[in-house]
Amino acid sequence: MSEFTLSPALATIIFVIAILAGHRFRRVWKEEGPRSHLWLTGLIAGICLLIVALIPLNV
């Protein structure tokens, strides 16, 4: 089985996507926007953070 690793640049890009999605989630939540936007941005942020947390970096 091949080992999955993230390069530091890819991990940084995924982390920035998670930050932007989390910021958008907070903005929609405060404005009491549509729930579909909350779910979408929340899932994107959560999945990105899980990827960065669970897949090791290729150093």
PDB file of N, CA and C in Angstrom:
ATOM      1  N   MET A   1       0.853  -1.182   0.000  1.00  0.00           N
ATOM      2  CA  MET A   1       0.000   0.000   0.000  1.00  0.00           C
ATOM      3  C   MET A   1       0.899   1.246   0.000  1.00  0.00           C
ATOM      4  N   SER A   2       0.601   2.161  -0.891  1.00  0.00           N
ATOM      5  CA  SER A   2       1.410   3.382  -0.954  1.00  0.00           C
ATOM      6  C   SER A   2       1.048   4.323   0.195  1.00  0.00           C
ATOM      7  N   GLU A   3       2.032   5.046   0.617  1.00  0.00           N
ATOM      8  CA  GLU A   3       1.843   5.958   1.740  1.00  0.00           C
ATOM      9  C   GLU A   3       1.409   7.332   1.224  1.00  0.00           C
ATOM     10  N   PHE A   4       0.365   7.868   1.810  1.00  0.00           N
ATOM     11  CA  PHE A   4      -0.123   9.187   1.435  1.00  0.00           C
ATOM     12  C   PHE A   4       0.553  10.242   2.295  1.00  0.00           C
ATOM     13  N   THR A   5       1.127  11.245   1.658  1.00  0.00           N
ATOM     14  CA  THR A   5       1.732  12.355   2.380  1.00  0.00           C
ATOM     15  C   THR A   5       1.375  13.657   1.664  1.00  0.00           C
ATOM     16  N   LEU A   6       1.431  14.735   2.413  1.00  0.00           N
ATOM     17  CA  LEU A   6       1.189  16.059   1.860  1.00  0.00           C
ATOM     18  C   LEU A   6       2.500  16.832   1.823  1.00  0.00           C
ATOM     19  N   SER A   7       2.701  17.562   0.761  1.00  0.00           N
ATOM     20  CA  SER A   7       3.849  18.464   0.737  1.00  0.00           C
ATOM     21  C   SER A   7       3.515  19.668   1.618  1.00  0.00           C
ATOM     22  N   PRO A   8       4.511  20.339   2.144  1.00  0.00           N
ATOM     23  CA  PRO A   8       4.229  21.508   2.979  1.00  0.00           C
ATOM     24  C   PRO A   8       3.435  22.593   2.247  1.00  0.00           C
ATOM     25  N   ALA A   9       3.702  22.784   0.950  1.00  0.00           N
ATOM     26  CA  ALA A   9       2.966  23.801   0.193  1.00  0.00           C
ATOM     27  C   ALA A   9       1.495  23.421   0.047  1.00  0.00           C
ATOM     28  N   LEU A  10       1.219  22.155  -0.251  1.00  0.00           N
ATOM     29  CA  LEU A  10      -0.166  21.705  -0.393  1.00  0.00           C
ATOM     30  C   LEU A  10      -0.904  21.777   0.941  1.00  0.00           C
ATOM     31  N   ALA A  11      -0.232  21.407   2.019  1.00  0.00           N
ATOM     32  CA  ALA A  11      -0.850  21.487   3.344  1.00  0.00           C
ATOM     33  C   ALA A  11      -1.181  22.939   3.698  1.00  0.00           C
ATOM     34  N   THR A  12      -0.314  23.860   3.330  1.00  0.00           N
ATOM     35  CA  THR A  12      -0.576  25.280   3.584  1.00  0.00           C
ATOM     36  C   THR A  12      -1.777  25.767   2.789  1.00  0.00           C
ATOM     37  N   ILE A  13      -1.870  25.359   1.529  1.00  0.00           N
ATOM     38  CA  ILE A  13      -3.011  25.764   0.695  1.00  0.00           C
ATOM     39  C   ILE A  13      -4.308  25.212   1.262  1.00  0.00           C
ATOM     40  N   ILE A  14      -4.306  23.952   1.667  1.00  0.00           N
ATOM     41  CA  ILE A  14      -5.517  23.349   2.247  1.00  0.00           C
ATOM     42  C   ILE A  14      -5.891  24.055   3.544  1.00  0.00           C
ATOM     43  N   PHE A  15      -4.903  24.405   4.357  1.00  0.00           N
ATOM     44  CA  PHE A  15      -5.172  25.110   5.611  1.00  0.00           C
ATOM     45  C   PHE A  15      -5.761  26.491   5.358  1.00  0.00           C
ATOM     46  N   VAL A  16      -5.251  27.198   4.359  1.00  0.00           N
ATOM     47  CA  VAL A  16      -5.791  28.522   4.021  1.00  0.00           C
ATOM     48  C   VAL A  16      -7.224  28.396   3.532  1.00  0.00           C
ATOM     49  N   ILE A  17      -7.537  27.364   2.753  1.00  0.00           N
ATOM     50  CA  ILE A  17      -8.912  27.129   2.309  1.00  0.00           C
ATOM     51  C   ILE A  17      -9.815  26.904   3.518  1.00  0.00           C
ATOM     52  N   ALA A  18      -9.328  26.154   4.509  1.00  0.00           N
ATOM     53  CA  ALA A  18     -10.112  25.916   5.719  1.00  0.00           C
ATOM     54  C   ALA A  18     -10.368  27.217   6.478  1.00  0.00           C
ATOM     55  N   ILE A  19      -9.363  28.078   6.540  1.00  0.00           N
ATOM     56  CA  ILE A  19      -9.530  29.356   7.231  1.00  0.00           C
ATOM     57  C   ILE A  19     -10.560  30.223   6.518  1.00  0.00           C
ATOM     58  N   LEU A  20     -10.466  30.302   5.194  1.00  0.00           N
ATOM     59  CA  LEU A  20     -11.419  31.116   4.432  1.00  0.00           C
ATOM     60  C   LEU A  20     -12.838  30.560   4.533  1.00  0.00           C
ATOM     61  N   ALA A  21     -12.979  29.242   4.483  1.00  0.00           N
ATOM     62  CA  ALA A  21     -14.304  28.635   4.615  1.00  0.00           C
ATOM     63  C   ALA A  21     -14.872  28.869   6.017  1.00  0.00           C
ATOM     64  N   GLY A  22     -14.019  28.781   7.044  1.00  0.00           N
ATOM     65  CA  GLY A  22     -14.473  29.041   8.412  1.00  0.00           C
ATOM     66  C   GLY A  22     -14.891  30.489   8.608  1.00  0.00           C
ATOM     67  N   HIS A  23     -14.157  31.390   7.985  1.00  0.00           N
ATOM     68  CA  HIS A  23     -14.526  32.814   8.057  1.00  0.00           C
ATOM     69  C   HIS A  23     -15.874  33.051   7.379  1.00  0.00           C
ATOM     70  N   ARG A  24     -16.075  32.438   6.224  1.00  0.00           N
ATOM     71  CA  ARG A  24     -17.350  32.573   5.514  1.00  0.00           C
ATOM     72  C   ARG A  24     -18.493  31.954   6.337  1.00  0.00           C
ATOM     73  N   PHE A  25     -18.215  30.810   6.976  1.00  0.00           N
ATOM     74  CA  PHE A  25     -19.206  30.171   7.835  1.00  0.00           C
ATOM     75  C   PHE A  25     -19.653  31.117   8.940  1.00  0.00           C
ATOM     76  N   ARG A  26     -18.685  31.753   9.586  1.00  0.00           N
ATOM     77  CA  ARG A  26     -18.999  32.681  10.679  1.00  0.00           C
ATOM     78  C   ARG A  26     -19.819  33.866  10.186  1.00  0.00           C
ATOM     79  N   ARG A  27     -19.459  34.397   9.017  1.00  0.00           N
ATOM     80  CA  ARG A  27     -20.178  35.539   8.462  1.00  0.00           C
ATOM     81  C   ARG A  27     -21.633  35.184   8.137  1.00  0.00           C
ATOM     82  N   VAL A  28     -21.834  34.030   7.510  1.00  0.00           N
ATOM     83  CA  VAL A  28     -23.200  33.603   7.175  1.00  0.00           C
ATOM     84  C   VAL A  28     -23.988  33.331   8.448  1.00  0.00           C
ATOM     85  N   TRP A  29     -23.342  32.769   9.461  1.00  0.00           N
ATOM     86  CA  TRP A  29     -24.023  32.470  10.714  1.00  0.00           C
ATOM     87  C   TRP A  29     -24.476  33.763  11.396  1.00  0.00           C
ATOM     88  N   LYS A  30     -23.606  34.771  11.453  1.00  0.00           N
ATOM     89  CA  LYS A  30     -23.966  36.034  12.100  1.00  0.00           C
ATOM     90  C   LYS A  30     -25.072  36.762  11.349  1.00  0.00           C
ATOM     91  N   GLU A  31     -25.091  36.638  10.007  1.00  0.00           N
ATOM     92  CA  GLU A  31     -26.115  37.296   9.205  1.00  0.00           C
ATOM     93  C   GLU A  31     -27.394  36.465   9.117  1.00  0.00           C
ATOM     94  N   GLU A  32     -27.397  35.288   9.757  1.00  0.00           N
ATOM     95  CA  GLU A  32     -28.516  34.353   9.718  1.00  0.00           C
ATOM     96  C   GLU A  32     -28.911  34.046   8.277  1.00  0.00           C
ATOM     97  N   GLY A  33     -27.901  33.677   7.515  1.00  0.00           N
ATOM     98  CA  GLY A  33     -28.091  33.335   6.110  1.00  0.00           C
ATOM     99  C   GLY A  33     -28.686  31.946   5.943  1.00  0.00           C
ATOM    100  N   PRO A  34     -28.757  31.500   4.701  1.00  0.00           N
ATOM    101  CA  PRO A  34     -29.360  30.185   4.425  1.00  0.00           C
ATOM    102  C   PRO A  34     -28.546  29.041   5.021  1.00  0.00           C
ATOM    103  N   ARG A  35     -29.266  28.049   5.496  1.00  0.00           N
ATOM    104  CA  ARG A  35     -28.613  26.902   6.131  1.00  0.00           C
ATOM    105  C   ARG A  35     -27.742  26.118   5.166  1.00  0.00           C
ATOM    106  N   SER A  36     -28.096  26.135   3.892  1.00  0.00           N
ATOM    107  CA  SER A  36     -27.286  25.395   2.920  1.00  0.00           C
ATOM    108  C   SER A  36     -25.870  25.966   2.846  1.00  0.00           C
ATOM    109  N   HIS A  37     -25.735  27.285   2.974  1.00  0.00           N
ATOM    110  CA  HIS A  37     -24.406  27.903   2.975  1.00  0.00           C
ATOM    111  C   HIS A  37     -23.643  27.531   4.244  1.00  0.00           C
ATOM    112  N   LEU A  38     -24.356  27.448   5.357  1.00  0.00           N
ATOM    113  CA  LEU A  38     -23.702  27.038   6.604  1.00  0.00           C
ATOM    114  C   LEU A  38     -23.152  25.622   6.481  1.00  0.00           C
ATOM    115  N   TRP A  39     -23.973  24.717   5.976  1.00  0.00           N
ATOM    116  CA  TRP A  39     -23.535  23.335   5.827  1.00  0.00           C
ATOM    117  C   TRP A  39     -22.374  23.219   4.859  1.00  0.00           C
ATOM    118  N   LEU A  40     -22.470  23.903   3.738  1.00  0.00           N
ATOM    119  CA  LEU A  40     -21.419  23.797   2.724  1.00  0.00           C
ATOM    120  C   LEU A  40     -20.087  24.320   3.245  1.00  0.00           C
ATOM    121  N   THR A  41     -20.095  25.528   3.799  1.00  0.00           N
ATOM    122  CA  THR A  41     -18.836  26.103   4.275  1.00  0.00           C
ATOM    123  C   THR A  41     -18.302  25.354   5.499  1.00  0.00           C
ATOM    124  N   GLY A  42     -19.185  24.895   6.357  1.00  0.00           N
ATOM    125  CA  GLY A  42     -18.758  24.121   7.518  1.00  0.00           C
ATOM    126  C   GLY A  42     -18.129  22.793   7.130  1.00  0.00           C
ATOM    127  N   LEU A  43     -18.722  22.118   6.161  1.00  0.00           N
ATOM    128  CA  LEU A  43     -18.156  20.856   5.698  1.00  0.00           C
ATOM    129  C   LEU A  43     -16.807  21.056   5.013  1.00  0.00           C
ATOM    130  N   ILE A  44     -16.704  22.099   4.208  1.00  0.00           N
ATOM    131  CA  ILE A  44     -15.428  22.373   3.548  1.00  0.00           C
ATOM    132  C   ILE A  44     -14.338  22.628   4.582  1.00  0.00           C
ATOM    133  N   ALA A  45     -14.638  23.473   5.562  1.00  0.00           N
ATOM    134  CA  ALA A  45     -13.649  23.776   6.601  1.00  0.00           C
ATOM    135  C   ALA A  45     -13.291  22.530   7.397  1.00  0.00           C
ATOM    136  N   GLY A  46     -14.271  21.763   7.770  1.00  0.00           N
ATOM    137  CA  GLY A  46     -14.016  20.560   8.561  1.00  0.00           C
ATOM    138  C   GLY A  46     -13.206  19.518   7.824  1.00  0.00           C
ATOM    139  N   ILE A  47     -13.542  19.286   6.566  1.00  0.00           N
ATOM    140  CA  ILE A  47     -12.818  18.299   5.774  1.00  0.00           C
ATOM    141  C   ILE A  47     -11.376  18.740   5.552  1.00  0.00           C
ATOM    142  N   CYS A  48     -11.189  20.012   5.263  1.00  0.00           N
ATOM    143  CA  CYS A  48      -9.821  20.513   5.068  1.00  0.00           C
ATOM    144  C   CYS A  48      -8.997  20.354   6.338  1.00  0.00           C
ATOM    145  N   LEU A  49      -9.567  20.674   7.477  1.00  0.00           N
ATOM    146  CA  LEU A  49      -8.828  20.537   8.729  1.00  0.00           C
ATOM    147  C   LEU A  49      -8.526  19.080   9.051  1.00  0.00           C
ATOM    148  N   LEU A  50      -9.460  18.174   8.755  1.00  0.00           N
ATOM    149  CA  LEU A  50      -9.192  16.756   8.981  1.00  0.00           C
ATOM    150  C   LEU A  50      -8.083  16.251   8.070  1.00  0.00           C
ATOM    151  N   ILE A  51      -8.070  16.709   6.831  1.00  0.00           N
ATOM    152  CA  ILE A  51      -7.003  16.283   5.914  1.00  0.00           C
ATOM    153  C   ILE A  51      -5.646  16.732   6.443  1.00  0.00           C
ATOM    154  N   VAL A  52      -5.560  17.985   6.852  1.00  0.00           N
ATOM    155  CA  VAL A  52      -4.275  18.491   7.352  1.00  0.00           C
ATOM    156  C   VAL A  52      -3.877  17.806   8.659  1.00  0.00           C
ATOM    157  N   ALA A  53      -4.852  17.471   9.479  1.00  0.00           N
ATOM    158  CA  ALA A  53      -4.537  16.857  10.770  1.00  0.00           C
ATOM    159  C   ALA A  53      -4.164  15.377  10.654  1.00  0.00           C
ATOM    160  N   LEU A  54      -4.769  14.659   9.725  1.00  0.00           N
ATOM    161  CA  LEU A  54      -4.608  13.215   9.712  1.00  0.00           C
ATOM    162  C   LEU A  54      -3.616  12.684   8.681  1.00  0.00           C
ATOM    163  N   ILE A  55      -3.304  13.457   7.661  1.00  0.00           N
ATOM    164  CA  ILE A  55      -2.342  13.000   6.653  1.00  0.00           C
ATOM    165  C   ILE A  55      -0.986  13.618   6.976  1.00  0.00           C
ATOM    166  N   PRO A  56       0.036  12.797   7.114  1.00  0.00           N
ATOM    167  CA  PRO A  56       1.352  13.327   7.502  1.00  0.00           C
ATOM    168  C   PRO A  56       1.999  14.178   6.400  1.00  0.00           C
ATOM    169  N   LEU A  57       2.887  15.048   6.829  1.00  0.00           N
ATOM    170  CA  LEU A  57       3.627  15.897   5.892  1.00  0.00           C
ATOM    171  C   LEU A  57       4.831  15.147   5.350  1.00  0.00           C
ATOM    172  N   ASN A  58       5.129  15.421   4.092  1.00  0.00           N
ATOM    173  CA  ASN A  58       6.328  14.883   3.463  1.00  0.00           C
ATOM    174  C   ASN A  58       7.454  15.895   3.688  1.00  0.00           C
ATOM    175  N   VAL A  59       8.306  15.596   4.649  1.00  0.00           N
ATOM    176  CA  VAL A  59       9.363  16.540   5.013  1.00  0.00           C
ATOM    177  C   VAL A  59      10.651  16.210   4.306  1.00  0.00           C
TER     178      VAL A  59
END
